[in-house]
N, C-alpha and C. Protein backbone atom coordinates (compact mmCIF):
# COMPACT_ATOMS: atom_id res chain seq x y z
N MET A 1 83.91 126.51 99.49
CA MET A 1 84.69 125.66 100.36
C MET A 1 86.13 126.15 100.44
N ASN A 2 86.69 126.63 99.32
CA ASN A 2 88.07 127.09 99.34
C ASN A 2 88.23 128.36 100.16
N GLU A 3 87.19 129.21 100.15
CA GLU A 3 87.27 130.46 100.89
C GLU A 3 86.99 130.27 102.38
N HIS A 4 86.28 129.21 102.75
CA HIS A 4 85.92 128.94 104.15
C HIS A 4 86.22 127.48 104.48
N PRO A 5 87.50 127.10 104.58
CA PRO A 5 87.84 125.68 104.80
C PRO A 5 87.30 125.11 106.10
N ASP A 6 87.07 125.95 107.12
CA ASP A 6 86.53 125.43 108.38
C ASP A 6 85.10 124.95 108.22
N ASN A 7 84.36 125.56 107.29
CA ASN A 7 82.98 125.15 107.05
C ASN A 7 82.88 124.03 106.02
N ALA A 8 83.96 123.73 105.33
CA ALA A 8 83.91 122.75 104.25
C ALA A 8 83.50 121.36 104.74
N SER A 9 83.86 121.02 105.98
CA SER A 9 83.51 119.69 106.48
C SER A 9 82.00 119.55 106.67
N ASN A 10 81.28 120.66 106.73
CA ASN A 10 79.83 120.61 106.87
C ASN A 10 79.12 120.62 105.51
N TRP A 11 79.89 120.80 104.45
CA TRP A 11 79.31 120.91 103.12
C TRP A 11 78.86 119.55 102.64
N LYS A 12 77.66 119.47 102.16
CA LYS A 12 77.15 118.25 101.56
C LYS A 12 76.60 118.66 100.21
N GLY A 13 77.05 118.05 99.20
CA GLY A 13 76.60 118.47 97.88
C GLY A 13 77.00 117.47 96.82
N ARG A 14 76.98 117.93 95.63
CA ARG A 14 77.21 117.08 94.50
C ARG A 14 78.19 117.77 93.56
N VAL A 15 79.12 117.01 93.05
CA VAL A 15 80.04 117.52 92.06
C VAL A 15 79.73 116.78 90.77
N LEU A 16 79.28 117.51 89.79
CA LEU A 16 79.01 116.91 88.49
C LEU A 16 80.21 117.17 87.61
N MET A 17 80.68 116.15 86.94
CA MET A 17 81.89 116.29 86.15
C MET A 17 81.66 115.73 84.76
N GLN A 18 82.18 116.43 83.80
CA GLN A 18 82.13 115.97 82.42
C GLN A 18 83.55 115.98 81.88
N VAL A 19 83.98 114.87 81.31
CA VAL A 19 85.31 114.77 80.75
C VAL A 19 85.16 114.63 79.24
N THR A 20 85.89 115.44 78.50
CA THR A 20 85.81 115.37 77.04
C THR A 20 87.20 115.21 76.46
N CYS A 21 87.27 114.69 75.27
CA CYS A 21 88.52 114.55 74.54
C CYS A 21 88.39 115.32 73.24
N GLU A 22 89.42 116.05 72.89
CA GLU A 22 89.42 116.79 71.64
C GLU A 22 90.72 116.49 70.91
N LYS A 23 90.61 116.20 69.63
CA LYS A 23 91.79 115.92 68.82
C LYS A 23 92.45 117.24 68.46
N THR A 24 93.76 117.35 68.73
CA THR A 24 94.51 118.55 68.40
C THR A 24 95.84 118.15 67.78
N GLU A 25 96.43 119.07 67.06
CA GLU A 25 97.74 118.80 66.48
C GLU A 25 98.81 118.79 67.57
N GLU A 26 98.72 119.73 68.47
CA GLU A 26 99.71 119.84 69.54
C GLU A 26 98.99 119.94 70.88
N PRO A 27 98.84 118.83 71.61
CA PRO A 27 98.18 118.92 72.92
C PRO A 27 98.94 119.87 73.85
N LEU A 28 98.19 120.63 74.63
CA LEU A 28 98.78 121.59 75.55
C LEU A 28 99.00 120.94 76.91
N ASP A 29 100.13 121.23 77.49
CA ASP A 29 100.43 120.77 78.84
C ASP A 29 100.16 121.94 79.77
N LYS A 30 99.05 121.88 80.47
CA LYS A 30 98.64 123.00 81.32
C LYS A 30 99.18 122.81 82.73
N VAL A 31 100.44 123.15 82.91
CA VAL A 31 101.10 123.03 84.20
C VAL A 31 101.36 124.43 84.72
N VAL A 32 100.93 124.68 85.95
CA VAL A 32 101.13 125.99 86.56
C VAL A 32 102.02 125.79 87.78
N PRO A 33 103.11 126.54 87.88
CA PRO A 33 103.98 126.37 89.06
C PRO A 33 103.25 126.81 90.34
N VAL A 34 103.50 126.09 91.40
CA VAL A 34 102.90 126.40 92.70
C VAL A 34 103.87 127.28 93.47
N THR A 35 103.36 128.38 93.99
CA THR A 35 104.23 129.31 94.73
C THR A 35 104.52 128.76 96.12
N ASP A 36 105.55 129.30 96.75
CA ASP A 36 105.91 128.88 98.11
C ASP A 36 104.79 129.22 99.10
N ASP A 37 104.13 130.37 98.90
CA ASP A 37 103.03 130.75 99.79
C ASP A 37 101.90 129.74 99.71
N GLU A 38 101.58 129.28 98.51
CA GLU A 38 100.51 128.29 98.35
C GLU A 38 100.90 126.96 98.98
N SER A 39 102.16 126.58 98.85
CA SER A 39 102.63 125.33 99.47
C SER A 39 102.54 125.39 100.99
N LEU A 40 102.93 126.53 101.57
CA LEU A 40 102.86 126.68 103.03
C LEU A 40 101.43 126.66 103.52
N MET A 41 100.53 127.33 102.80
CA MET A 41 99.13 127.35 103.19
C MET A 41 98.54 125.94 103.13
N GLN A 42 98.85 125.20 102.08
CA GLN A 42 98.35 123.83 101.94
C GLN A 42 98.91 122.95 103.05
N ALA A 43 100.17 123.12 103.38
CA ALA A 43 100.80 122.31 104.44
C ALA A 43 100.13 122.56 105.79
N ARG A 44 99.78 123.82 106.09
CA ARG A 44 99.10 124.14 107.35
C ARG A 44 97.72 123.49 107.41
N ILE A 45 97.00 123.54 106.31
CA ILE A 45 95.66 122.97 106.29
C ILE A 45 95.70 121.45 106.38
N MET A 46 96.62 120.82 105.65
CA MET A 46 96.68 119.37 105.61
C MET A 46 97.39 118.76 106.81
N ALA A 47 98.06 119.58 107.62
CA ALA A 47 98.76 119.06 108.80
C ALA A 47 97.79 118.53 109.85
N ARG A 48 96.58 119.08 109.86
CA ARG A 48 95.58 118.63 110.82
C ARG A 48 94.95 117.33 110.33
N ASP A 49 94.85 116.36 111.22
CA ASP A 49 94.18 115.10 110.85
C ASP A 49 92.68 115.34 110.78
N LYS A 50 92.09 114.93 109.67
CA LYS A 50 90.65 115.08 109.49
C LYS A 50 90.10 113.80 108.90
N MET A 51 88.87 113.53 109.23
CA MET A 51 88.16 112.39 108.65
C MET A 51 87.16 112.92 107.62
N TYR A 52 87.12 112.29 106.49
CA TYR A 52 86.19 112.68 105.44
C TYR A 52 85.35 111.49 105.03
N ASP A 53 84.11 111.74 104.69
CA ASP A 53 83.24 110.74 104.09
C ASP A 53 83.06 111.10 102.63
N VAL A 54 83.29 110.15 101.77
CA VAL A 54 83.10 110.38 100.34
C VAL A 54 82.06 109.40 99.83
N ILE A 55 81.05 109.93 99.18
CA ILE A 55 80.07 109.09 98.51
C ILE A 55 80.18 109.42 97.03
N ALA A 56 80.47 108.42 96.23
CA ALA A 56 80.62 108.63 94.79
C ALA A 56 79.63 107.72 94.05
N GLU A 57 79.11 108.22 92.96
CA GLU A 57 78.19 107.44 92.14
C GLU A 57 78.58 107.61 90.68
N VAL A 58 78.73 106.50 90.00
CA VAL A 58 79.05 106.52 88.57
C VAL A 58 77.82 106.02 87.84
N GLY A 59 77.26 106.90 87.01
CA GLY A 59 76.05 106.54 86.28
C GLY A 59 76.33 106.01 84.89
N GLN A 60 77.06 106.81 84.12
CA GLN A 60 77.30 106.41 82.73
C GLN A 60 78.55 107.05 82.20
N ALA A 61 79.05 106.48 81.13
CA ALA A 61 80.18 107.05 80.40
C ALA A 61 79.75 107.10 78.94
N ILE A 62 79.91 108.26 78.34
CA ILE A 62 79.46 108.43 76.95
C ILE A 62 80.61 108.92 76.08
N ALA A 63 80.45 108.79 74.78
CA ALA A 63 81.44 109.22 73.79
C ALA A 63 82.79 108.56 74.05
N LEU A 64 82.77 107.26 74.33
CA LEU A 64 84.00 106.53 74.60
C LEU A 64 84.76 106.25 73.30
N PRO A 65 86.09 106.07 73.38
CA PRO A 65 86.88 105.94 72.16
C PRO A 65 86.59 104.70 71.31
N LYS A 66 86.33 103.56 71.95
CA LYS A 66 86.11 102.32 71.18
C LYS A 66 84.68 101.83 71.37
N ALA A 67 83.98 101.66 70.28
CA ALA A 67 82.58 101.23 70.33
C ALA A 67 82.48 99.79 70.85
N GLY A 68 81.53 99.58 71.75
CA GLY A 68 81.26 98.24 72.26
C GLY A 68 82.21 97.75 73.34
N LYS A 69 83.27 98.46 73.64
CA LYS A 69 84.23 98.03 74.65
C LYS A 69 83.68 98.33 76.04
N LYS A 70 83.94 97.41 76.98
CA LYS A 70 83.52 97.61 78.36
C LYS A 70 84.65 98.28 79.13
N TYR A 71 84.36 99.44 79.67
CA TYR A 71 85.34 100.21 80.42
C TYR A 71 85.04 100.11 81.92
N LYS A 72 86.04 100.43 82.73
CA LYS A 72 85.85 100.60 84.16
C LYS A 72 86.24 102.04 84.48
N VAL A 73 85.63 102.59 85.54
CA VAL A 73 85.93 103.95 85.96
C VAL A 73 86.67 103.88 87.29
N LYS A 74 87.79 104.60 87.37
CA LYS A 74 88.57 104.65 88.60
C LYS A 74 88.51 106.07 89.15
N ILE A 75 88.16 106.18 90.43
CA ILE A 75 88.13 107.47 91.13
C ILE A 75 89.17 107.38 92.23
N ILE A 76 90.06 108.38 92.29
CA ILE A 76 91.09 108.41 93.34
C ILE A 76 90.88 109.67 94.16
N VAL A 77 90.66 109.49 95.46
CA VAL A 77 90.49 110.62 96.37
C VAL A 77 91.43 110.40 97.55
N GLY A 78 92.40 111.28 97.69
CA GLY A 78 93.33 111.18 98.82
C GLY A 78 94.04 109.85 98.89
N GLY A 79 94.38 109.26 97.76
CA GLY A 79 95.09 107.99 97.74
C GLY A 79 94.19 106.77 97.81
N LYS A 80 92.90 106.94 98.08
CA LYS A 80 91.94 105.84 98.12
C LYS A 80 91.37 105.64 96.72
N GLU A 81 91.42 104.41 96.22
CA GLU A 81 90.92 104.11 94.88
C GLU A 81 89.55 103.45 94.93
N LEU A 82 88.66 103.94 94.11
CA LEU A 82 87.34 103.34 93.94
C LEU A 82 87.23 102.94 92.47
N ILE A 83 87.03 101.67 92.19
CA ILE A 83 86.97 101.18 90.81
C ILE A 83 85.63 100.49 90.59
N THR A 84 84.96 100.86 89.51
CA THR A 84 83.66 100.27 89.22
C THR A 84 83.82 98.82 88.76
N ASP A 85 82.72 98.08 88.85
CA ASP A 85 82.65 96.76 88.25
C ASP A 85 82.49 96.94 86.74
N GLU A 86 82.37 95.83 86.03
CA GLU A 86 82.07 95.91 84.60
C GLU A 86 80.73 96.64 84.43
N PRO A 87 80.57 97.38 83.34
CA PRO A 87 79.30 98.10 83.15
C PRO A 87 78.14 97.12 82.97
N LYS A 88 76.96 97.55 83.41
CA LYS A 88 75.76 96.72 83.25
C LYS A 88 75.33 96.65 81.79
N PHE A 89 75.71 97.67 81.03
CA PHE A 89 75.31 97.76 79.64
C PHE A 89 76.41 98.47 78.86
N ALA A 90 76.80 97.91 77.72
CA ALA A 90 77.81 98.54 76.87
C ALA A 90 77.39 98.36 75.42
N LYS A 91 77.16 99.46 74.75
CA LYS A 91 76.78 99.42 73.35
C LYS A 91 77.28 100.69 72.68
N LYS A 92 77.75 100.54 71.46
CA LYS A 92 78.34 101.66 70.71
C LYS A 92 79.39 102.33 71.59
N ASN A 93 79.31 103.62 71.79
CA ASN A 93 80.31 104.35 72.58
C ASN A 93 79.74 104.75 73.94
N TYR A 94 79.00 103.86 74.56
CA TYR A 94 78.27 104.16 75.79
C TYR A 94 78.39 103.00 76.77
N ASN A 95 78.68 103.29 78.03
CA ASN A 95 78.64 102.30 79.11
C ASN A 95 77.75 102.82 80.22
N ARG A 96 76.89 101.95 80.76
CA ARG A 96 76.02 102.33 81.88
C ARG A 96 76.46 101.53 83.10
N PHE A 97 76.67 102.22 84.22
CA PHE A 97 77.16 101.58 85.44
C PHE A 97 76.11 101.55 86.55
N ASN A 98 75.59 102.70 86.94
CA ASN A 98 74.69 102.81 88.11
C ASN A 98 75.30 102.15 89.34
N GLN A 99 76.51 102.57 89.68
CA GLN A 99 77.21 102.01 90.84
C GLN A 99 77.53 103.12 91.82
N ARG A 100 77.29 102.83 93.09
CA ARG A 100 77.50 103.82 94.15
C ARG A 100 78.54 103.29 95.13
N PHE A 101 79.43 104.19 95.55
CA PHE A 101 80.44 103.88 96.56
C PHE A 101 80.14 104.69 97.80
N ASP A 102 79.99 104.04 98.95
CA ASP A 102 79.74 104.74 100.21
C ASP A 102 80.99 104.76 101.06
């Protein structure tokens, strides 16, 4: 999609994401400066008005920090926030949602 942005609007697929936490003595701040060329390219692409459809599904959250706590998941895409309801099931360090956003 990044190499062919004109075809990206036709792309239909799935993004699987896993988020992990690791205990470290000194957490790293991974900030990379954005060059002027990258900023100009992004500005040209984003200057065109486009409509996007986002379908998101939250199935489960595992290895959560506090056992038995009910968490909510927030997804932010282009300033639009999608927040899950309370999980259907919460036990130990696991929450099950099975919630879909269209």
